[in-house]
Amino acid sequence: MDSVLTTVTDWFKVLNGIVWGPAMLALILGTGLFLMIGLRFMPVLKLGYGAKMLWRGRDDSEQQGDISAFNALMTSLSATIGTGNIAGVATAIFLGGPGALFWMWVTALVGMATKYAEAVLAVHYREVDANGNKIGGPMYYIKNGLGPKFTWLATSFALFGALAGFGIGNTVQANSVADALASKFAIDNQMTGWVMAVLVALVLLGGIKRIALVAGKLVPVMAISYVIAAVTILIMQADHVPMAFNLIMHYAFTPAAATGGFAGAAVWAAIRFGVARGIFSNEAGLGSAPIAHASAKTNNPVRQGTIAMMGTFIDTLIICTLTGLVIIVTGVWTSGENGASLSALAFESAMPGVGGYVVTLGLSVFAFTTLLGWSVYSEKCVTYLFGVKAVLPFRLIWIIAIPYGATRDLEFIWLVADTLNALMALPNLVALLLLSPVVFGLTRSFFHK
């Protein structure tokens, strides 16, 4: 049995190296750049407009949809603001050096165009299910936008999305919380798993409206609290901030030599891990976020698109940047620590006795909301494949998977989920490129009026 698992693991490692190789990273960045140019840099130029629409989106009672435009973004952010913002940034810097943060910024900038296009198409091509709920996402804009010949592509996305959720959005998140609480508070992993399962069940069984309501309250609070802690550290280390930016820009284009516990990194490593971790964090191009935005109370796809692109800005250009700067200004990036441990070390070194708890509690809350956000994504994929009758069985299986993930070694599951994420992205990126004229046309018409 062990030999079979080893063989399968080796096979997935090879497949993962292919699907997350240079070609995939180039496709994701290239698609974002193509959309940004086609949109005439609107996502950057209209950032203020997006922020204004986000604020107005708190109350959309007169619009068609199931949740407010604001809560649609919060549901999306509940899935994206997670381990990627704490552990992902730290891993990128550990493997690629400070320059990786620059390439995360690049990914986020073009990713704003990608996320905008995804949301526009999701609202434009959304449907109403048998229960009267608005549903949409890549599987629907592939089916309705590209026609019957591409149904297989829509089915492929839904299948990969349904399966990937149980890894990246469920068991991996439960495991992260359990490990963090066990190391900091000595809480048993199994207890953490069952408590999380009960909490998720209380929210999940109420459907997307309850999930969005919880996300709309919890996400802003947790994000603002984390930002305040990070900004406080940067103020305390203000004299080191210019140095941090110099290191980021220098090592974005220059190999980083080995120093302390840092093994050194080539420029390609900074690009590869910066782009890969950036995508992992904000999910632009994966096709997950538009599933939430399709349920928004809005009658205009472009308006929701401008709100959606704010998610990438908040996730990567604000929260990931703050995490990265804290790691660099405190000097712990050369310590040899990796992942969440590196972020915790950075916060703890700047705020002794407090910083470690900030990261532990932040990671726990982030991961919990990711469990909720990804449940929406996978559920909609399952609904597309099997209809609304599969919703309740799916939710029960989702809840049961949480304590399982909290108590298992998930190296193999993480590998499979990471691979499935890339396979989700492929049909979505193809659809974005083929349907880009629709996005460009709707955008020009909206802003011309």
Protein backbone atom coordinates (compact mmCIF):
# COMPACT_ATOMS: atom_id res chain seq x y z
CA MET A 1 0.00 0.00 0.00
CA ASP A 2 2.82 2.39 0.88
CA SER A 3 4.54 1.71 -2.45
CA VAL A 4 1.32 2.51 -4.33
CA LEU A 5 0.91 5.78 -2.42
CA THR A 6 4.55 6.65 -3.12
CA THR A 7 4.08 5.98 -6.83
CA VAL A 8 0.89 8.05 -7.00
CA THR A 9 2.58 10.86 -5.03
CA ASP A 10 5.54 10.86 -7.42
CA TRP A 11 3.16 10.97 -10.38
CA PHE A 12 1.28 13.94 -8.92
CA LYS A 13 4.58 15.73 -8.23
CA VAL A 14 5.48 15.41 -11.91
CA LEU A 15 2.01 16.57 -12.98
CA ASN A 16 2.13 19.45 -10.48
CA GLY A 17 5.49 20.56 -11.85
CA ILE A 18 3.97 20.65 -15.33
CA VAL A 19 0.68 22.40 -14.55
CA TRP A 20 2.37 24.98 -12.30
CA GLY A 21 5.42 25.30 -14.54
CA PRO A 22 6.55 28.30 -16.60
CA ALA A 23 3.83 27.77 -19.23
CA MET A 24 1.00 28.07 -16.67
CA LEU A 25 2.53 31.09 -14.95
CA ALA A 26 3.03 32.74 -18.36
CA LEU A 27 -0.58 31.93 -19.33
CA ILE A 28 -1.99 33.46 -16.14
CA LEU A 29 0.16 36.58 -16.35
CA GLY A 30 -0.33 36.81 -20.13
CA THR A 31 -4.12 36.56 -19.83
CA GLY A 32 -4.15 39.27 -17.18
CA LEU A 33 -1.91 41.54 -19.24
CA PHE A 34 -4.00 40.96 -22.39
CA LEU A 35 -7.19 41.84 -20.51
CA MET A 36 -5.56 44.88 -18.86
CA ILE A 37 -4.48 46.25 -22.26
CA GLY A 38 -7.84 45.42 -23.84
CA LEU A 39 -9.59 47.25 -21.00
CA ARG A 40 -7.21 50.20 -21.57
CA PHE A 41 -5.94 49.90 -17.97
CA MET A 42 -9.42 50.60 -16.63
CA PRO A 43 -8.93 48.42 -13.47
CA VAL A 44 -6.08 50.70 -12.37
CA LEU A 45 -7.59 53.98 -13.58
CA LYS A 46 -11.02 53.21 -12.07
CA LEU A 47 -9.77 51.91 -8.71
CA GLY A 48 -11.44 54.81 -6.92
CA TYR A 49 -14.70 54.10 -8.73
CA GLY A 50 -14.49 50.47 -7.61
CA ALA A 51 -14.05 51.56 -4.00
CA LYS A 52 -17.09 53.84 -4.31
CA MET A 53 -19.19 51.03 -5.81
CA LEU A 54 -18.03 48.71 -3.02
CA TRP A 55 -19.35 51.12 -0.40
CA ARG A 56 -22.65 51.57 -2.26
CA GLY A 57 -22.86 47.78 -2.58
CA ARG A 58 -23.59 47.43 1.14
CA ASP A 59 -27.28 47.99 0.38
CA ASP A 60 -28.62 46.59 -2.89
CA SER A 61 -32.09 45.60 -1.79
CA GLU A 62 -33.64 46.83 -5.03
CA GLN A 63 -31.37 44.74 -7.26
CA GLN A 64 -31.76 41.18 -8.52
CA GLY A 65 -29.72 38.55 -6.69
CA ASP A 66 -29.38 36.68 -3.41
CA ILE A 67 -26.71 38.63 -1.47
CA SER A 68 -25.54 42.24 -1.48
CA ALA A 69 -22.69 43.22 -3.80
CA PHE A 70 -20.62 44.04 -0.71
CA ASN A 71 -21.27 40.62 0.86
CA ALA A 72 -20.45 38.95 -2.45
CA LEU A 73 -16.99 40.51 -2.23
CA MET A 74 -16.70 39.56 1.45
CA THR A 75 -17.63 35.96 0.58
CA SER A 76 -14.95 36.01 -2.11
CA LEU A 77 -12.42 37.56 0.28
CA SER A 78 -13.33 35.01 2.96
CA ALA A 79 -11.93 32.36 0.62
CA THR A 80 -8.88 34.31 -0.60
CA ILE A 81 -7.73 35.98 2.64
CA GLY A 82 -6.29 32.95 4.38
CA THR A 83 -3.14 30.94 4.74
CA GLY A 84 -1.81 32.52 1.55
CA ASN A 85 -1.61 35.92 3.22
CA ILE A 86 0.38 34.60 6.18
CA ALA A 87 2.08 31.35 5.18
CA GLY A 88 2.09 31.94 1.40
CA VAL A 89 3.93 35.26 1.52
CA ALA A 90 6.48 33.85 3.96
CA THR A 91 7.08 30.82 1.73
CA ALA A 92 7.57 33.05 -1.33
CA ILE A 93 10.21 35.12 0.50
CA PHE A 94 11.87 31.99 1.99
CA LEU A 95 12.22 30.38 -1.47
CA GLY A 96 12.59 33.44 -3.71
CA GLY A 97 13.99 36.16 -1.46
CA PRO A 98 12.55 39.66 -0.89
CA GLY A 99 12.26 40.15 -4.66
CA ALA A 100 9.38 37.66 -4.72
CA LEU A 101 7.16 40.33 -3.15
CA PHE A 102 7.66 42.55 -6.22
CA TRP A 103 6.43 39.75 -8.50
CA MET A 104 3.44 39.25 -6.21
CA TRP A 105 2.62 42.93 -6.87
CA VAL A 106 2.91 42.41 -10.63
CA THR A 107 0.62 39.38 -10.40
CA ALA A 108 -1.92 41.39 -8.42
CA LEU A 109 -1.94 44.33 -10.83
CA VAL A 110 -2.71 42.22 -13.90
CA GLY A 111 -4.88 39.98 -11.69
CA MET A 112 -7.21 42.92 -11.08
CA ALA A 113 -8.10 42.82 -14.79
CA THR A 114 -8.57 39.05 -14.64
CA LYS A 115 -10.80 39.20 -11.55
CA TYR A 116 -12.81 42.03 -13.14
CA ALA A 117 -13.41 40.03 -16.32
CA GLU A 118 -14.39 36.92 -14.34
CA ALA A 119 -17.05 38.79 -12.36
CA VAL A 120 -18.42 40.59 -15.43
CA LEU A 121 -18.91 37.30 -17.27
CA ALA A 122 -20.28 35.56 -14.15
CA VAL A 123 -23.08 38.12 -13.73
CA HIS A 124 -23.72 38.49 -17.47
CA TYR A 125 -24.20 34.75 -18.06
CA ARG A 126 -25.67 33.69 -14.70
CA GLU A 127 -28.78 31.52 -14.37
CA VAL A 128 -31.48 30.77 -11.79
CA ASP A 129 -31.47 27.30 -10.21
CA ALA A 130 -34.46 25.13 -9.25
CA ASN A 131 -34.64 26.84 -5.84
CA GLY A 132 -34.77 30.32 -7.38
CA ASN A 133 -31.18 31.26 -6.49
CA LYS A 134 -28.83 33.12 -8.82
CA ILE A 135 -25.93 30.87 -9.88
CA GLY A 136 -22.96 31.48 -12.13
CA GLY A 137 -19.24 31.16 -12.58
CA PRO A 138 -16.87 29.76 -15.20
CA MET A 139 -18.97 26.65 -15.87
CA TYR A 140 -21.95 28.85 -16.76
CA TYR A 141 -20.14 31.48 -18.82
CA ILE A 142 -18.39 28.70 -20.70
CA LYS A 143 -21.70 26.91 -21.40
CA ASN A 144 -23.79 30.01 -22.15
CA GLY A 145 -21.08 32.15 -23.71
CA LEU A 146 -19.16 29.64 -25.82
CA GLY A 147 -22.02 27.29 -26.71
CA PRO A 148 -22.69 23.52 -26.68
CA LYS A 149 -19.35 22.60 -28.25
CA PHE A 150 -17.59 23.75 -25.07
CA THR A 151 -19.85 21.98 -22.56
CA TRP A 152 -17.06 19.50 -21.84
CA LEU A 153 -14.83 22.41 -20.80
CA ALA A 154 -17.49 23.67 -18.38
CA THR A 155 -17.91 20.18 -16.94
CA SER A 156 -14.14 19.87 -16.51
CA PHE A 157 -14.00 23.10 -14.51
CA ALA A 158 -16.90 22.05 -12.28
CA LEU A 159 -15.35 18.64 -11.62
CA PHE A 160 -11.93 20.06 -10.74
CA GLY A 161 -13.53 22.79 -8.63
CA ALA A 162 -15.68 20.36 -6.64
CA LEU A 163 -12.71 18.11 -5.85
CA ALA A 164 -10.14 20.86 -5.25
CA GLY A 165 -12.34 22.45 -2.60
CA PHE A 166 -12.03 19.46 -0.29
CA GLY A 167 -8.27 19.91 -0.33
CA ILE A 168 -7.30 23.56 -0.57
CA GLY A 169 -10.56 24.89 0.91
CA ASN A 170 -11.34 22.31 3.57
CA THR A 171 -8.89 19.73 4.93
CA VAL A 172 -5.78 21.87 4.43
CA GLN A 173 -7.43 24.82 6.19
CA ALA A 174 -8.65 22.67 9.09
CA ASN A 175 -5.17 21.22 9.44
CA SER A 176 -3.59 24.70 9.51
CA VAL A 177 -5.89 25.84 12.31
CA ALA A 178 -5.40 22.64 14.32
CA ASP A 179 -1.60 22.85 14.07
CA ALA A 180 -1.54 26.55 14.97
CA LEU A 181 -3.75 26.10 18.05
CA ALA A 182 -1.89 22.96 19.15
CA SER A 183 1.51 24.68 19.01
CA LYS A 184 0.40 27.92 20.68
CA PHE A 185 -2.31 26.80 23.11
CA ALA A 186 -1.72 23.01 23.34
CA ILE A 187 -5.26 22.29 22.14
CA ASP A 188 -5.82 18.76 20.85
CA ASN A 189 -6.14 18.58 17.03
CA GLN A 190 -9.20 16.35 17.21
CA MET A 191 -11.03 18.77 19.50
CA THR A 192 -10.22 21.66 17.18
CA GLY A 193 -11.51 19.68 14.22
CA TRP A 194 -14.87 18.84 15.80
CA VAL A 195 -15.42 22.36 17.15
CA MET A 196 -14.73 23.79 13.70
CA ALA A 197 -17.07 21.23 12.14
CA VAL A 198 -19.90 22.33 14.45
CA LEU A 199 -19.26 26.04 13.81
CA VAL A 200 -19.10 25.54 10.04
CA ALA A 201 -22.28 23.42 10.14
CA LEU A 202 -24.19 26.19 11.93
CA VAL A 203 -23.29 28.59 9.14
CA LEU A 204 -23.17 26.26 6.13
CA LEU A 205 -26.59 24.67 6.59
CA GLY A 206 -28.11 28.13 6.22
CA GLY A 207 -26.85 28.39 2.64
CA ILE A 208 -25.05 31.19 0.83
CA LYS A 209 -27.16 33.94 2.43
CA ARG A 210 -26.01 32.99 5.92
CA ILE A 211 -22.43 32.42 4.74
CA ALA A 212 -22.42 35.87 3.12
CA LEU A 213 -23.90 37.44 6.27
CA VAL A 214 -21.17 35.92 8.46
CA ALA A 215 -18.47 36.81 5.93
CA GLY A 216 -19.75 40.37 5.72
CA LYS A 217 -19.23 40.78 9.47
CA LEU A 218 -16.16 38.62 10.14
CA VAL A 219 -13.93 39.40 7.14
CA PRO A 220 -13.75 43.20 7.63
CA VAL A 221 -13.08 42.81 11.37
CA MET A 222 -10.32 40.23 10.98
CA ALA A 223 -8.70 42.01 8.03
CA ILE A 224 -8.69 45.42 9.75
CA SER A 225 -7.29 43.91 12.98
CA TYR A 226 -4.46 42.22 11.11
CA VAL A 227 -3.70 45.38 9.14
CA ILE A 228 -3.58 47.47 12.34
CA ALA A 229 -1.10 45.05 13.93
CA ALA A 230 1.13 45.02 10.83
CA VAL A 231 1.03 48.81 10.39
CA THR A 232 1.90 49.24 14.08
CA ILE A 233 5.03 47.13 13.57
CA LEU A 234 6.00 49.08 10.44
CA ILE A 235 5.63 52.35 12.36
CA MET A 236 7.83 50.94 15.13
CA GLN A 237 10.38 49.88 12.47
CA ALA A 238 9.90 52.97 10.28
CA ASP A 239 13.63 53.54 9.81
CA HIS A 240 13.93 50.07 8.21
CA VAL A 241 11.03 50.44 5.75
CA PRO A 242 13.04 52.23 3.00
CA MET A 243 15.67 49.49 3.26
CA ALA A 244 12.95 46.86 2.86
CA PHE A 245 11.71 48.44 -0.37
CA ASN A 246 15.29 48.65 -1.66
CA LEU A 247 15.77 44.93 -0.99
CA ILE A 248 12.50 44.10 -2.73
CA MET A 249 13.33 46.07 -5.87
CA HIS A 250 16.99 44.97 -5.93
CA TYR A 251 16.35 41.25 -5.56
CA ALA A 252 13.44 41.31 -8.02
CA PHE A 253 16.05 41.53 -10.80
CA THR A 254 19.25 40.37 -9.08
CA PRO A 255 20.10 36.94 -7.57
CA ALA A 256 19.98 36.91 -3.76
CA ALA A 257 23.10 35.47 -2.13
CA ALA A 258 22.88 32.99 0.75
CA THR A 259 22.98 34.65 4.15
CA GLY A 260 22.18 33.29 7.61
CA GLY A 261 19.50 30.63 7.25
CA PHE A 262 18.50 31.90 3.80
CA ALA A 263 19.77 29.54 1.10
CA GLY A 264 19.93 32.17 -1.64
CA ALA A 265 17.71 32.47 -4.71
CA ALA A 266 18.04 33.12 -8.43
CA VAL A 267 15.93 35.76 -10.18
CA TRP A 268 13.82 32.99 -11.70
CA ALA A 269 13.01 31.74 -8.18
CA ALA A 270 11.81 35.22 -7.18
CA ILE A 271 9.58 35.36 -10.27
CA ARG A 272 8.29 31.79 -9.98
CA PHE A 273 7.44 31.81 -6.29
CA GLY A 274 6.23 35.40 -6.30
CA VAL A 275 3.79 34.71 -9.13
CA ALA A 276 2.72 31.28 -7.83
CA ARG A 277 2.12 32.47 -4.25
CA GLY A 278 0.43 35.62 -5.53
CA ILE A 279 -2.03 33.53 -7.52
CA PHE A 280 -2.54 31.20 -4.56
CA SER A 281 -3.36 34.19 -2.39
CA ASN A 282 -5.73 36.22 -4.59
CA GLU A 283 -6.96 33.37 -6.85
CA ALA A 284 -7.20 35.67 -9.89
CA GLY A 285 -7.53 33.38 -12.90
CA LEU A 286 -8.55 30.25 -10.98
CA GLY A 287 -12.25 30.94 -11.58
CA SER A 288 -13.32 30.59 -7.95
CA ALA A 289 -14.29 34.16 -7.00
CA PRO A 290 -16.80 34.75 -9.85
CA ILE A 291 -18.95 31.95 -8.39
CA ALA A 292 -19.61 34.18 -5.36
CA HIS A 293 -20.02 37.37 -7.40
CA ALA A 294 -22.66 35.70 -9.59
CA SER A 295 -25.02 35.70 -6.57
CA ALA A 296 -24.72 39.45 -6.01
CA LYS A 297 -27.72 41.75 -6.00
CA THR A 298 -26.86 43.75 -9.07
CA ASN A 299 -28.34 44.43 -12.49
CA ASN A 300 -25.05 45.46 -14.05
CA PRO A 301 -22.10 43.08 -14.67
CA VAL A 302 -19.57 45.92 -15.02
CA ARG A 303 -20.49 47.44 -11.67
CA GLN A 304 -19.96 44.09 -9.95
CA GLY A 305 -16.71 43.65 -11.87
CA THR A 306 -15.31 46.89 -10.44
CA ILE A 307 -16.21 45.64 -6.95
CA ALA A 308 -14.64 42.23 -7.62
CA MET A 309 -11.30 43.70 -8.71
CA MET A 310 -11.05 45.40 -5.31
CA GLY A 311 -10.68 41.93 -3.81
CA THR A 312 -7.31 41.42 -5.51
CA PHE A 313 -6.18 44.88 -4.46
CA ILE A 314 -7.13 44.29 -0.80
CA ASP A 315 -5.82 40.73 -0.64
CA THR A 316 -2.40 41.10 -2.26
CA LEU A 317 -1.49 44.78 -2.58
CA ILE A 318 -2.50 45.52 1.02
CA ILE A 319 -2.53 42.43 3.26
CA CYS A 320 0.20 40.36 1.55
CA THR A 321 2.38 43.46 1.22
CA LEU A 322 2.09 44.22 4.93
CA THR A 323 3.00 40.63 5.86
CA GLY A 324 6.01 40.70 3.54
CA LEU A 325 7.23 44.07 4.82
CA VAL A 326 6.99 42.92 8.44
CA ILE A 327 9.07 39.83 7.62
CA ILE A 328 11.72 41.92 5.86
CA VAL A 329 11.96 44.92 8.23
CA THR A 330 12.35 42.66 11.26
CA GLY A 331 15.25 40.89 9.53
CA VAL A 332 13.89 37.38 10.18
CA TRP A 333 13.71 36.51 6.46
CA THR A 334 17.27 35.19 6.81
CA SER A 335 16.43 33.06 9.87
CA GLY A 336 15.77 29.83 7.99
CA GLU A 337 12.17 29.63 9.19
CA ASN A 338 9.47 29.03 6.59
CA GLY A 339 5.71 29.40 6.16
CA ALA A 340 3.48 30.52 9.02
CA SER A 341 6.37 30.00 11.46
CA LEU A 342 8.34 32.73 9.67
CA SER A 343 5.42 35.17 9.85
CA ALA A 344 4.88 34.35 13.52
CA LEU A 345 8.58 34.88 14.24
CA ALA A 346 8.46 38.29 12.52
CA PHE A 347 5.44 39.51 14.48
CA GLU A 348 6.72 38.06 17.75
CA SER A 349 10.17 39.64 17.36
CA ALA A 350 8.57 43.08 16.86
CA MET A 351 5.82 42.65 19.46
CA PRO A 352 7.14 40.16 22.08
CA GLY A 353 4.40 38.27 23.88
CA VAL A 354 1.72 39.60 21.53
CA GLY A 355 2.84 39.15 17.92
CA GLY A 356 2.75 35.36 17.97
CA TYR A 357 -0.86 35.40 19.16
CA VAL A 358 -1.81 37.87 16.41
CA VAL A 359 -0.55 35.48 13.73
CA THR A 360 -2.02 32.37 15.39
CA LEU A 361 -5.47 33.89 15.87
CA GLY A 362 -5.34 35.61 12.48
CA LEU A 363 -4.43 32.35 10.75
CA SER A 364 -7.22 30.52 12.60
CA VAL A 365 -9.91 33.04 11.67
CA PHE A 366 -8.64 33.39 8.11
CA ALA A 367 -8.66 29.62 7.63
CA PHE A 368 -12.15 29.31 9.17
CA THR A 369 -13.62 31.85 6.76
CA THR A 370 -11.80 30.15 3.88
CA LEU A 371 -13.68 26.98 4.84
CA LEU A 372 -16.92 28.92 4.44
CA GLY A 373 -15.98 30.67 1.20
CA TRP A 374 -14.72 27.56 -0.55
CA SER A 375 -17.83 25.64 0.51
CA VAL A 376 -19.79 28.04 -1.72
CA TYR A 377 -17.46 27.41 -4.66
CA SER A 378 -17.48 23.62 -4.41
CA GLU A 379 -21.22 23.51 -3.74
CA LYS A 380 -22.00 25.48 -6.89
CA CYS A 381 -19.72 23.17 -8.89
CA VAL A 382 -21.55 20.14 -7.46
CA THR A 383 -24.91 21.80 -8.25
CA TYR A 384 -23.83 22.30 -11.85
CA LEU A 385 -22.86 18.63 -12.15
CA PHE A 386 -25.71 16.95 -10.24
CA GLY A 387 -28.44 19.55 -9.60
CA VAL A 388 -29.82 21.03 -6.37
CA LYS A 389 -30.65 17.57 -4.97
CA ALA A 390 -26.93 17.09 -4.32
CA VAL A 391 -26.60 20.22 -2.11
CA LEU A 392 -27.52 18.66 1.26
CA PRO A 393 -25.34 15.53 0.81
CA PHE A 394 -22.47 17.78 -0.26
CA ARG A 395 -22.80 19.97 2.85
CA LEU A 396 -22.81 16.95 5.14
CA ILE A 397 -19.69 15.50 3.49
CA TRP A 398 -18.01 18.92 3.67
CA ILE A 399 -18.63 19.12 7.42
CA ILE A 400 -17.40 15.55 8.04
CA ALA A 401 -14.18 16.26 6.11
CA ILE A 402 -13.15 19.01 8.57
CA PRO A 403 -12.21 16.84 11.61
CA TYR A 404 -10.58 14.36 9.22
CA GLY A 405 -8.32 17.08 7.84
CA ALA A 406 -7.50 18.43 11.29
CA THR A 407 -5.96 15.13 12.40
CA ARG A 408 -4.15 13.87 9.27
CA ASP A 409 -0.83 14.38 7.52
CA LEU A 410 -2.00 16.23 4.44
CA GLU A 411 1.14 16.44 2.30
CA PHE A 412 -0.45 14.23 -0.36
CA ILE A 413 -3.84 15.98 -0.19
CA TRP A 414 -2.15 19.38 -0.49
CA LEU A 415 -0.26 18.17 -3.56
CA VAL A 416 -3.44 16.86 -5.22
CA ALA A 417 -5.42 20.00 -4.37
CA ASP A 418 -2.68 22.27 -5.68
CA THR A 419 -2.68 20.31 -8.94
CA LEU A 420 -6.47 20.46 -9.22
CA ASN A 421 -6.33 24.23 -8.69
CA ALA A 422 -4.16 24.57 -11.77
CA LEU A 423 -6.51 22.30 -13.72
CA MET A 424 -9.39 24.60 -12.65
CA ALA A 425 -7.52 27.57 -14.05
CA LEU A 426 -6.97 26.12 -17.54
CA PRO A 427 -10.62 26.04 -18.76
CA ASN A 428 -11.28 29.37 -17.05
CA LEU A 429 -8.37 31.13 -18.74
CA VAL A 430 -9.37 29.73 -22.13
CA ALA A 431 -12.90 31.07 -21.59
CA LEU A 432 -11.63 34.50 -20.51
CA LEU A 433 -9.56 34.84 -23.66
CA LEU A 434 -12.36 33.65 -25.98
CA LEU A 435 -15.00 35.81 -24.27
CA SER A 436 -12.78 38.89 -23.88
CA PRO A 437 -14.65 40.76 -26.68
CA VAL A 438 -17.82 40.49 -24.56
CA VAL A 439 -15.99 41.95 -21.53
CA PHE A 440 -14.49 44.78 -23.59
CA GLY A 441 -17.84 45.57 -25.22
CA LEU A 442 -19.82 45.65 -21.96
CA THR A 443 -17.14 47.82 -20.34
CA ARG A 444 -16.98 50.38 -23.13
CA SER A 445 -20.78 50.59 -23.28
CA PHE A 446 -21.09 51.08 -19.50
CA PHE A 447 -18.48 53.81 -19.14
CA HIS A 448 -19.55 55.53 -22.36
CA LYS A 449 -23.03 56.01 -20.86
